[in-house]
PDB file of N, CA and C in Angstrom:
ATOM      1  N   MET A   1     -24.171 -21.697 -34.185  1.00  0.00           N
ATOM      2  CA  MET A   1     -23.656 -21.995 -32.878  1.00  0.00           C
ATOM      3  C   MET A   1     -22.342 -21.257 -32.740  1.00  0.00           C
ATOM      4  N   CYS A   2     -22.231 -20.444 -31.727  1.00  0.00           N
ATOM      5  CA  CYS A   2     -21.018 -19.671 -31.508  1.00  0.00           C
ATOM      6  C   CYS A   2     -20.422 -20.088 -30.174  1.00  0.00           C
ATOM      7  N   VAL A   3     -19.423 -20.922 -30.215  1.00  0.00           N
ATOM      8  CA  VAL A   3     -18.766 -21.372 -28.989  1.00  0.00           C
ATOM      9  C   VAL A   3     -17.400 -20.715 -28.918  1.00  0.00           C
ATOM     10  N   ASP A   4     -17.119 -20.098 -27.790  1.00  0.00           N
ATOM     11  CA  ASP A   4     -15.822 -19.481 -27.557  1.00  0.00           C
ATOM     12  C   ASP A   4     -14.749 -20.572 -27.592  1.00  0.00           C
ATOM     13  N   PRO A   5     -13.718 -20.423 -28.419  1.00  0.00           N
ATOM     14  CA  PRO A   5     -12.678 -21.458 -28.497  1.00  0.00           C
ATOM     15  C   PRO A   5     -12.029 -21.765 -27.147  1.00  0.00           C
ATOM     16  N   GLU A   6     -11.852 -20.731 -26.312  1.00  0.00           N
ATOM     17  CA  GLU A   6     -11.279 -20.962 -24.983  1.00  0.00           C
ATOM     18  C   GLU A   6     -12.204 -21.825 -24.133  1.00  0.00           C
ATOM     19  N   ARG A   7     -13.510 -21.597 -24.275  1.00  0.00           N
ATOM     20  CA  ARG A   7     -14.501 -22.401 -23.543  1.00  0.00           C
ATOM     21  C   ARG A   7     -14.449 -23.849 -24.025  1.00  0.00           C
ATOM     22  N   ALA A   8     -14.291 -24.055 -25.317  1.00  0.00           N
ATOM     23  CA  ALA A   8     -14.202 -25.412 -25.865  1.00  0.00           C
ATOM     24  C   ALA A   8     -12.981 -26.134 -25.315  1.00  0.00           C
ATOM     25  N   ILE A   9     -11.854 -25.438 -25.242  1.00  0.00           N
ATOM     26  CA  ILE A   9     -10.633 -26.046 -24.697  1.00  0.00           C
ATOM     27  C   ILE A   9     -10.818 -26.364 -23.219  1.00  0.00           C
ATOM     28  N   GLU A  10     -11.419 -25.435 -22.493  1.00  0.00           N
ATOM     29  CA  GLU A  10     -11.677 -25.653 -21.057  1.00  0.00           C
ATOM     30  C   GLU A  10     -12.555 -26.880 -20.841  1.00  0.00           C
ATOM     31  N   LEU A  11     -13.606 -27.009 -21.638  1.00  0.00           N
ATOM     32  CA  LEU A  11     -14.494 -28.157 -21.520  1.00  0.00           C
ATOM     33  C   LEU A  11     -13.789 -29.448 -21.896  1.00  0.00           C
ATOM     34  N   LYS A  12     -12.976 -29.385 -22.934  1.00  0.00           N
ATOM     35  CA  LYS A  12     -12.256 -30.586 -23.360  1.00  0.00           C
ATOM     36  C   LYS A  12     -11.344 -31.078 -22.246  1.00  0.00           C
ATOM     37  N   GLN A  13     -10.662 -30.163 -21.567  1.00  0.00           N
ATOM     38  CA  GLN A  13      -9.784 -30.549 -20.469  1.00  0.00           C
ATOM     39  C   GLN A  13     -10.596 -31.026 -19.270  1.00  0.00           C
ATOM     40  N   LYS A  14     -11.675 -30.330 -18.959  1.00  0.00           N
ATOM     41  CA  LYS A  14     -12.501 -30.657 -17.807  1.00  0.00           C
ATOM     42  C   LYS A  14     -13.131 -32.034 -17.934  1.00  0.00           C
ATOM     43  N   PHE A  15     -13.646 -32.353 -19.117  1.00  0.00           N
ATOM     44  CA  PHE A  15     -14.367 -33.598 -19.308  1.00  0.00           C
ATOM     45  C   PHE A  15     -13.541 -34.663 -20.022  1.00  0.00           C
ATOM     46  N   ASN A  16     -12.280 -34.376 -20.298  1.00  0.00           N
ATOM     47  CA  ASN A  16     -11.366 -35.343 -20.906  1.00  0.00           C
ATOM     48  C   ASN A  16     -11.939 -35.959 -22.183  1.00  0.00           C
ATOM     49  N   PHE A  17     -12.176 -35.122 -23.162  1.00  0.00           N
ATOM     50  CA  PHE A  17     -12.698 -35.579 -24.444  1.00  0.00           C
ATOM     51  C   PHE A  17     -11.566 -35.968 -25.374  1.00  0.00           C
ATOM     52  N   SER A  18     -10.655 -36.778 -24.872  1.00  0.00           N
ATOM     53  CA  SER A  18      -9.483 -37.131 -25.668  1.00  0.00           C
ATOM     54  C   SER A  18      -9.841 -37.994 -26.872  1.00  0.00           C
ATOM     55  N   LYS A  19     -10.981 -38.679 -26.825  1.00  0.00           N
ATOM     56  CA  LYS A  19     -11.368 -39.548 -27.935  1.00  0.00           C
ATOM     57  C   LYS A  19     -12.043 -38.785 -29.070  1.00  0.00           C
ATOM     58  N   LEU A  20     -12.480 -37.559 -28.818  1.00  0.00           N
ATOM     59  CA  LEU A  20     -13.185 -36.789 -29.839  1.00  0.00           C
ATOM     60  C   LEU A  20     -12.179 -36.035 -30.701  1.00  0.00           C
ATOM     61  N   GLN A  21     -12.222 -36.290 -31.984  1.00  0.00           N
ATOM     62  CA  GLN A  21     -11.352 -35.594 -32.922  1.00  0.00           C
ATOM     63  C   GLN A  21     -12.088 -34.358 -33.428  1.00  0.00           C
ATOM     64  N   PHE A  22     -11.490 -33.192 -33.250  1.00  0.00           N
ATOM     65  CA  PHE A  22     -12.117 -31.958 -33.681  1.00  0.00           C
ATOM     66  C   PHE A  22     -11.808 -31.718 -35.151  1.00  0.00           C
ATOM     67  N   THR A  23     -12.672 -32.262 -35.991  1.00  0.00           N
ATOM     68  CA  THR A  23     -12.510 -32.122 -37.433  1.00  0.00           C
ATOM     69  C   THR A  23     -13.591 -31.191 -37.962  1.00  0.00           C
ATOM     70  N   LYS A  24     -13.418 -30.747 -39.185  1.00  0.00           N
ATOM     71  CA  LYS A  24     -14.433 -29.907 -39.828  1.00  0.00           C
ATOM     72  C   LYS A  24     -15.764 -30.657 -39.875  1.00  0.00           C
ATOM     73  N   ASP A  25     -15.699 -31.939 -40.170  1.00  0.00           N
ATOM     74  CA  ASP A  25     -16.902 -32.766 -40.244  1.00  0.00           C
ATOM     75  C   ASP A  25     -17.636 -32.791 -38.898  1.00  0.00           C
ATOM     76  N   ASN A  26     -16.888 -32.926 -37.794  1.00  0.00           N
ATOM     77  CA  ASN A  26     -17.525 -32.955 -36.476  1.00  0.00           C
ATOM     78  C   ASN A  26     -18.167 -31.612 -36.134  1.00  0.00           C
ATOM     79  N   PHE A  27     -17.521 -30.522 -36.492  1.00  0.00           N
ATOM     80  CA  PHE A  27     -18.119 -29.211 -36.235  1.00  0.00           C
ATOM     81  C   PHE A  27     -19.401 -29.028 -37.047  1.00  0.00           C
ATOM     82  N   VAL A  28     -19.407 -29.493 -38.283  1.00  0.00           N
ATOM     83  CA  VAL A  28     -20.623 -29.411 -39.108  1.00  0.00           C
ATOM     84  C   VAL A  28     -21.735 -30.243 -38.474  1.00  0.00           C
ATOM     85  N   LYS A  29     -21.395 -31.454 -38.030  1.00  0.00           N
ATOM     86  CA  LYS A  29     -22.391 -32.314 -37.379  1.00  0.00           C
ATOM     87  C   LYS A  29     -22.952 -31.643 -36.136  1.00  0.00           C
ATOM     88  N   MET A  30     -22.068 -31.055 -35.312  1.00  0.00           N
ATOM     89  CA  MET A  30     -22.533 -30.386 -34.097  1.00  0.00           C
ATOM     90  C   MET A  30     -23.447 -29.212 -34.424  1.00  0.00           C
ATOM     91  N   ALA A  31     -23.107 -28.463 -35.462  1.00  0.00           N
ATOM     92  CA  ALA A  31     -23.949 -27.327 -35.856  1.00  0.00           C
ATOM     93  C   ALA A  31     -25.321 -27.809 -36.319  1.00  0.00           C
ATOM     94  N   LEU A  32     -25.349 -28.877 -37.113  1.00  0.00           N
ATOM     95  CA  LEU A  32     -26.634 -29.409 -37.593  1.00  0.00           C
ATOM     96  C   LEU A  32     -27.485 -29.926 -36.434  1.00  0.00           C
ATOM     97  N   ILE A  33     -26.869 -30.603 -35.493  1.00  0.00           N
ATOM     98  CA  ILE A  33     -27.602 -31.092 -34.316  1.00  0.00           C
ATOM     99  C   ILE A  33     -28.132 -29.908 -33.524  1.00  0.00           C
ATOM    100  N   TYR A  34     -27.289 -28.908 -33.323  1.00  0.00           N
ATOM    101  CA  TYR A  34     -27.679 -27.715 -32.574  1.00  0.00           C
ATOM    102  C   TYR A  34     -28.907 -27.044 -33.195  1.00  0.00           C
ATOM    103  N   TYR A  35     -28.883 -26.841 -34.506  1.00  0.00           N
ATOM    104  CA  TYR A  35     -30.004 -26.173 -35.167  1.00  0.00           C
ATOM    105  C   TYR A  35     -31.279 -27.015 -35.142  1.00  0.00           C
ATOM    106  N   ARG A  36     -31.145 -28.335 -35.216  1.00  0.00           N
ATOM    107  CA  ARG A  36     -32.329 -29.191 -35.101  1.00  0.00           C
ATOM    108  C   ARG A  36     -32.927 -29.070 -33.708  1.00  0.00           C
ATOM    109  N   LEU A  37     -32.073 -29.060 -32.701  1.00  0.00           N
ATOM    110  CA  LEU A  37     -32.569 -28.928 -31.326  1.00  0.00           C
ATOM    111  C   LEU A  37     -33.230 -27.577 -31.111  1.00  0.00           C
ATOM    112  N   LYS A  38     -32.621 -26.517 -31.639  1.00  0.00           N
ATOM    113  CA  LYS A  38     -33.192 -25.174 -31.494  1.00  0.00           C
ATOM    114  C   LYS A  38     -34.559 -25.075 -32.155  1.00  0.00           C
ATOM    115  N   SER A  39     -34.779 -25.821 -33.233  1.00  0.00           N
ATOM    116  CA  SER A  39     -36.080 -25.793 -33.912  1.00  0.00           C
ATOM    117  C   SER A  39     -37.002 -26.892 -33.386  1.00  0.00           C
ATOM    118  N   ARG A  40     -36.592 -27.514 -32.263  1.00  0.00           N
ATOM    119  CA  ARG A  40     -37.395 -28.509 -31.560  1.00  0.00           C
ATOM    120  C   ARG A  40     -37.707 -29.732 -32.437  1.00  0.00           C
ATOM    121  N   GLN A  41     -36.734 -30.138 -33.219  1.00  0.00           N
ATOM    122  CA  GLN A  41     -36.851 -31.311 -34.076  1.00  0.00           C
ATOM    123  C   GLN A  41     -36.101 -32.467 -33.419  1.00  0.00           C
ATOM    124  N   PRO A  42     -36.603 -33.676 -33.560  1.00  0.00           N
ATOM    125  CA  PRO A  42     -35.868 -34.816 -32.998  1.00  0.00           C
ATOM    126  C   PRO A  42     -34.555 -35.032 -33.748  1.00  0.00           C
ATOM    127  N   VAL A  43     -33.592 -35.597 -33.048  1.00  0.00           N
ATOM    128  CA  VAL A  43     -32.284 -35.857 -33.641  1.00  0.00           C
ATOM    129  C   VAL A  43     -31.999 -37.344 -33.529  1.00  0.00           C
ATOM    130  N   ILE A  44     -31.684 -37.952 -34.644  1.00  0.00           N
ATOM    131  CA  ILE A  44     -31.282 -39.351 -34.669  1.00  0.00           C
ATOM    132  C   ILE A  44     -29.879 -39.399 -35.260  1.00  0.00           C
ATOM    133  N   ILE A  45     -28.973 -40.022 -34.527  1.00  0.00           N
ATOM    134  CA  ILE A  45     -27.599 -40.141 -35.000  1.00  0.00           C
ATOM    135  C   ILE A  45     -27.320 -41.616 -35.228  1.00  0.00           C
ATOM    136  N   MET A  46     -26.940 -41.933 -36.435  1.00  0.00           N
ATOM    137  CA  MET A  46     -26.682 -43.320 -36.806  1.00  0.00           C
ATOM    138  C   MET A  46     -25.272 -43.446 -37.342  1.00  0.00           C
ATOM    139  N   GLY A  47     -24.697 -44.610 -37.163  1.00  0.00           N
ATOM    140  CA  GLY A  47     -23.376 -44.849 -37.711  1.00  0.00           C
ATOM    141  C   GLY A  47     -22.773 -46.120 -37.168  1.00  0.00           C
ATOM    142  N   GLU A  48     -21.666 -46.488 -37.755  1.00  0.00           N
ATOM    143  CA  GLU A  48     -20.966 -47.697 -37.340  1.00  0.00           C
ATOM    144  C   GLU A  48     -20.442 -47.548 -35.918  1.00  0.00           C
ATOM    145  N   THR A  49     -20.190 -48.681 -35.291  1.00  0.00           N
ATOM    146  CA  THR A  49     -19.617 -48.704 -33.955  1.00  0.00           C
ATOM    147  C   THR A  49     -18.235 -48.074 -33.972  1.00  0.00           C
ATOM    148  N   GLY A  50     -17.979 -47.214 -32.970  1.00  0.00           N
ATOM    149  CA  GLY A  50     -16.642 -46.658 -32.799  1.00  0.00           C
ATOM    150  C   GLY A  50     -16.310 -45.430 -33.614  1.00  0.00           C
ATOM    151  N   VAL A  51     -17.290 -44.810 -34.254  1.00  0.00           N
ATOM    152  CA  VAL A  51     -16.986 -43.630 -35.070  1.00  0.00           C
ATOM    153  C   VAL A  51     -17.059 -42.326 -34.281  1.00  0.00           C
ATOM    154  N   GLY A  52     -17.516 -42.395 -33.019  1.00  0.00           N
ATOM    155  CA  GLY A  52     -17.519 -41.209 -32.168  1.00  0.00           C
ATOM    156  C   GLY A  52     -18.855 -40.542 -31.960  1.00  0.00           C
ATOM    157  N   LYS A  53     -19.948 -41.239 -32.217  1.00  0.00           N
ATOM    158  CA  LYS A  53     -21.276 -40.651 -32.051  1.00  0.00           C
ATOM    159  C   LYS A  53     -21.510 -40.207 -30.609  1.00  0.00           C
ATOM    160  N   THR A  54     -21.238 -41.083 -29.663  1.00  0.00           N
ATOM    161  CA  THR A  54     -21.475 -40.777 -28.256  1.00  0.00           C
ATOM    162  C   THR A  54     -20.562 -39.658 -27.784  1.00  0.00           C
ATOM    163  N   SER A  55     -19.298 -39.692 -28.156  1.00  0.00           N
ATOM    164  CA  SER A  55     -18.358 -38.639 -27.750  1.00  0.00           C
ATOM    165  C   SER A  55     -18.811 -37.287 -28.286  1.00  0.00           C
ATOM    166  N   LEU A  56     -19.270 -37.257 -29.516  1.00  0.00           N
ATOM    167  CA  LEU A  56     -19.730 -36.017 -30.132  1.00  0.00           C
ATOM    168  C   LEU A  56     -20.933 -35.452 -29.383  1.00  0.00           C
ATOM    169  N   VAL A  57     -21.892 -36.298 -29.075  1.00  0.00           N
ATOM    170  CA  VAL A  57     -23.100 -35.851 -28.374  1.00  0.00           C
ATOM    171  C   VAL A  57     -22.758 -35.427 -26.946  1.00  0.00           C
ATOM    172  N   ASN A  58     -21.891 -36.185 -26.266  1.00  0.00           N
ATOM    173  CA  ASN A  58     -21.483 -35.805 -24.905  1.00  0.00           C
ATOM    174  C   ASN A  58     -20.832 -34.426 -24.905  1.00  0.00           C
ATOM    175  N   TYR A  59     -19.945 -34.185 -25.853  1.00  0.00           N
ATOM    176  CA  TYR A  59     -19.262 -32.897 -25.933  1.00  0.00           C
ATOM    177  C   TYR A  59     -20.259 -31.775 -26.201  1.00  0.00           C
ATOM    178  N   LEU A  60     -21.121 -31.968 -27.168  1.00  0.00           N
ATOM    179  CA  LEU A  60     -22.089 -30.937 -27.518  1.00  0.00           C
ATOM    180  C   LEU A  60     -23.020 -30.639 -26.347  1.00  0.00           C
ATOM    181  N   ALA A  61     -23.468 -31.664 -25.644  1.00  0.00           N
ATOM    182  CA  ALA A  61     -24.348 -31.463 -24.486  1.00  0.00           C
ATOM    183  C   ALA A  61     -23.630 -30.671 -23.398  1.00  0.00           C
ATOM    184  N   ASP A  62     -22.358 -30.953 -23.187  1.00  0.00           N
ATOM    185  CA  ASP A  62     -21.607 -30.214 -22.172  1.00  0.00           C
ATOM    186  C   ASP A  62     -21.385 -28.762 -22.584  1.00  0.00           C
ATOM    187  N   VAL A  63     -21.095 -28.530 -23.849  1.00  0.00           N
ATOM    188  CA  VAL A  63     -20.910 -27.164 -24.339  1.00  0.00           C
ATOM    189  C   VAL A  63     -22.210 -26.375 -24.190  1.00  0.00           C
ATOM    190  N   MET A  64     -23.330 -27.023 -24.514  1.00  0.00           N
ATOM    191  CA  MET A  64     -24.639 -26.360 -24.429  1.00  0.00           C
ATOM    192  C   MET A  64     -25.215 -26.399 -23.021  1.00  0.00           C
ATOM    193  N   GLU A  65     -24.532 -27.112 -22.115  1.00  0.00           N
ATOM    194  CA  GLU A  65     -25.029 -27.311 -20.756  1.00  0.00           C
ATOM    195  C   GLU A  65     -26.467 -27.834 -20.804  1.00  0.00           C
ATOM    196  N   ALA A  66     -26.650 -28.886 -21.585  1.00  0.00           N
ATOM    197  CA  ALA A  66     -27.974 -29.457 -21.817  1.00  0.00           C
ATOM    198  C   ALA A  66     -28.035 -30.890 -21.308  1.00  0.00           C
ATOM    199  N   LEU A  67     -29.226 -31.310 -20.963  1.00  0.00           N
ATOM    200  CA  LEU A  67     -29.484 -32.694 -20.601  1.00  0.00           C
ATOM    201  C   LEU A  67     -30.003 -33.410 -21.839  1.00  0.00           C
ATOM    202  N   TYR A  68     -29.703 -34.676 -21.946  1.00  0.00           N
ATOM    203  CA  TYR A  68     -30.204 -35.424 -23.093  1.00  0.00           C
ATOM    204  C   TYR A  68     -30.402 -36.871 -22.694  1.00  0.00           C
ATOM    205  N   LEU A  69     -31.104 -37.582 -23.531  1.00  0.00           N
ATOM    206  CA  LEU A  69     -31.407 -38.989 -23.301  1.00  0.00           C
ATOM    207  C   LEU A  69     -30.819 -39.795 -24.444  1.00  0.00           C
ATOM    208  N   LYS A  70     -30.045 -40.814 -24.091  1.00  0.00           N
ATOM    209  CA  LYS A  70     -29.483 -41.704 -25.113  1.00  0.00           C
ATOM    210  C   LYS A  70     -30.340 -42.955 -25.165  1.00  0.00           C
ATOM    211  N   LEU A  71     -30.681 -43.362 -26.352  1.00  0.00           N
ATOM    212  CA  LEU A  71     -31.439 -44.587 -26.559  1.00  0.00           C
ATOM    213  C   LEU A  71     -30.691 -45.408 -27.595  1.00  0.00           C
ATOM    214  N   PHE A  72     -30.213 -46.557 -27.177  1.00  0.00           N
ATOM    215  CA  PHE A  72     -29.452 -47.414 -28.075  1.00  0.00           C
ATOM    216  C   PHE A  72     -30.415 -48.370 -28.777  1.00  0.00           C
ATOM    217  N   LEU A  73     -30.525 -48.221 -30.075  1.00  0.00           N
ATOM    218  CA  LEU A  73     -31.430 -49.045 -30.855  1.00  0.00           C
ATOM    219  C   LEU A  73     -30.644 -50.043 -31.697  1.00  0.00           C
ATOM    220  N   HIS A  74     -31.182 -51.220 -31.786  1.00  0.00           N
ATOM    221  CA  HIS A  74     -30.597 -52.261 -32.630  1.00  0.00           C
ATOM    222  C   HIS A  74     -31.720 -53.201 -33.029  1.00  0.00           C
ATOM    223  N   ALA A  75     -31.425 -54.182 -33.798  1.00  0.00           N
ATOM    224  CA  ALA A  75     -32.452 -55.066 -34.351  1.00  0.00           C
ATOM    225  C   ALA A  75     -33.262 -55.783 -33.266  1.00  0.00           C
ATOM    226  N   GLY A  76     -32.693 -55.963 -32.082  1.00  0.00           N
ATOM    227  CA  GLY A  76     -33.388 -56.692 -31.025  1.00  0.00           C
ATOM    228  C   GLY A  76     -34.298 -55.847 -30.153  1.00  0.00           C
ATOM    229  N   VAL A  77     -34.337 -54.526 -30.355  1.00  0.00           N
ATOM    230  CA  VAL A  77     -35.158 -53.637 -29.528  1.00  0.00           C
ATOM    231  C   VAL A  77     -36.592 -53.653 -30.038  1.00  0.00           C
ATOM    232  N   GLU A  78     -37.533 -53.889 -29.128  1.00  0.00           N
ATOM    233  CA  GLU A  78     -38.944 -53.902 -29.502  1.00  0.00           C
ATOM    234  C   GLU A  78     -39.581 -52.554 -29.222  1.00  0.00           C
ATOM    235  N   GLU A  79     -40.670 -52.258 -29.917  1.00  0.00           N
ATOM    236  CA  GLU A  79     -41.351 -50.973 -29.797  1.00  0.00           C
ATOM    237  C   GLU A  79     -41.752 -50.683 -28.365  1.00  0.00           C
ATOM    238  N   ARG A  80     -42.218 -51.666 -27.628  1.00  0.00           N
ATOM    239  CA  ARG A  80     -42.676 -51.436 -26.251  1.00  0.00           C
ATOM    240  C   ARG A  80     -41.511 -51.015 -25.342  1.00  0.00           C
ATOM    241  N   GLU A  81     -40.294 -51.404 -25.687  1.00  0.00           N
ATOM    242  CA  GLU A  81     -39.132 -51.009 -24.902  1.00  0.00           C
ATOM    243  C   GLU A  81     -38.787 -49.523 -25.099  1.00  0.00           C
ATOM    244  N   ILE A  82     -39.114 -49.017 -26.266  1.00  0.00           N
ATOM    245  CA  ILE A  82     -38.841 -47.607 -26.568  1.00  0.00           C
ATOM    246  C   ILE A  82     -39.797 -46.735 -25.796  1.00  0.00           C
TER     247      ILE A  82
END
């Protein structure tokens, strides 16, 4: 994934991604998600509440100018709801 740094800054200001921390770990995660999407593989992101999963996906979708569907799964979700 090759994103122009100026474009990333522009998007961050435009969409106010103040909650997203641009760490090496986040860039690696974005690259892995990007390559899975390019190879048409499903992507499942799991983690504790408040670690930035949604912010990361929102940012990546905006950078890629892509549409996506969020599905919040938890122990109470039944198969028919999915």
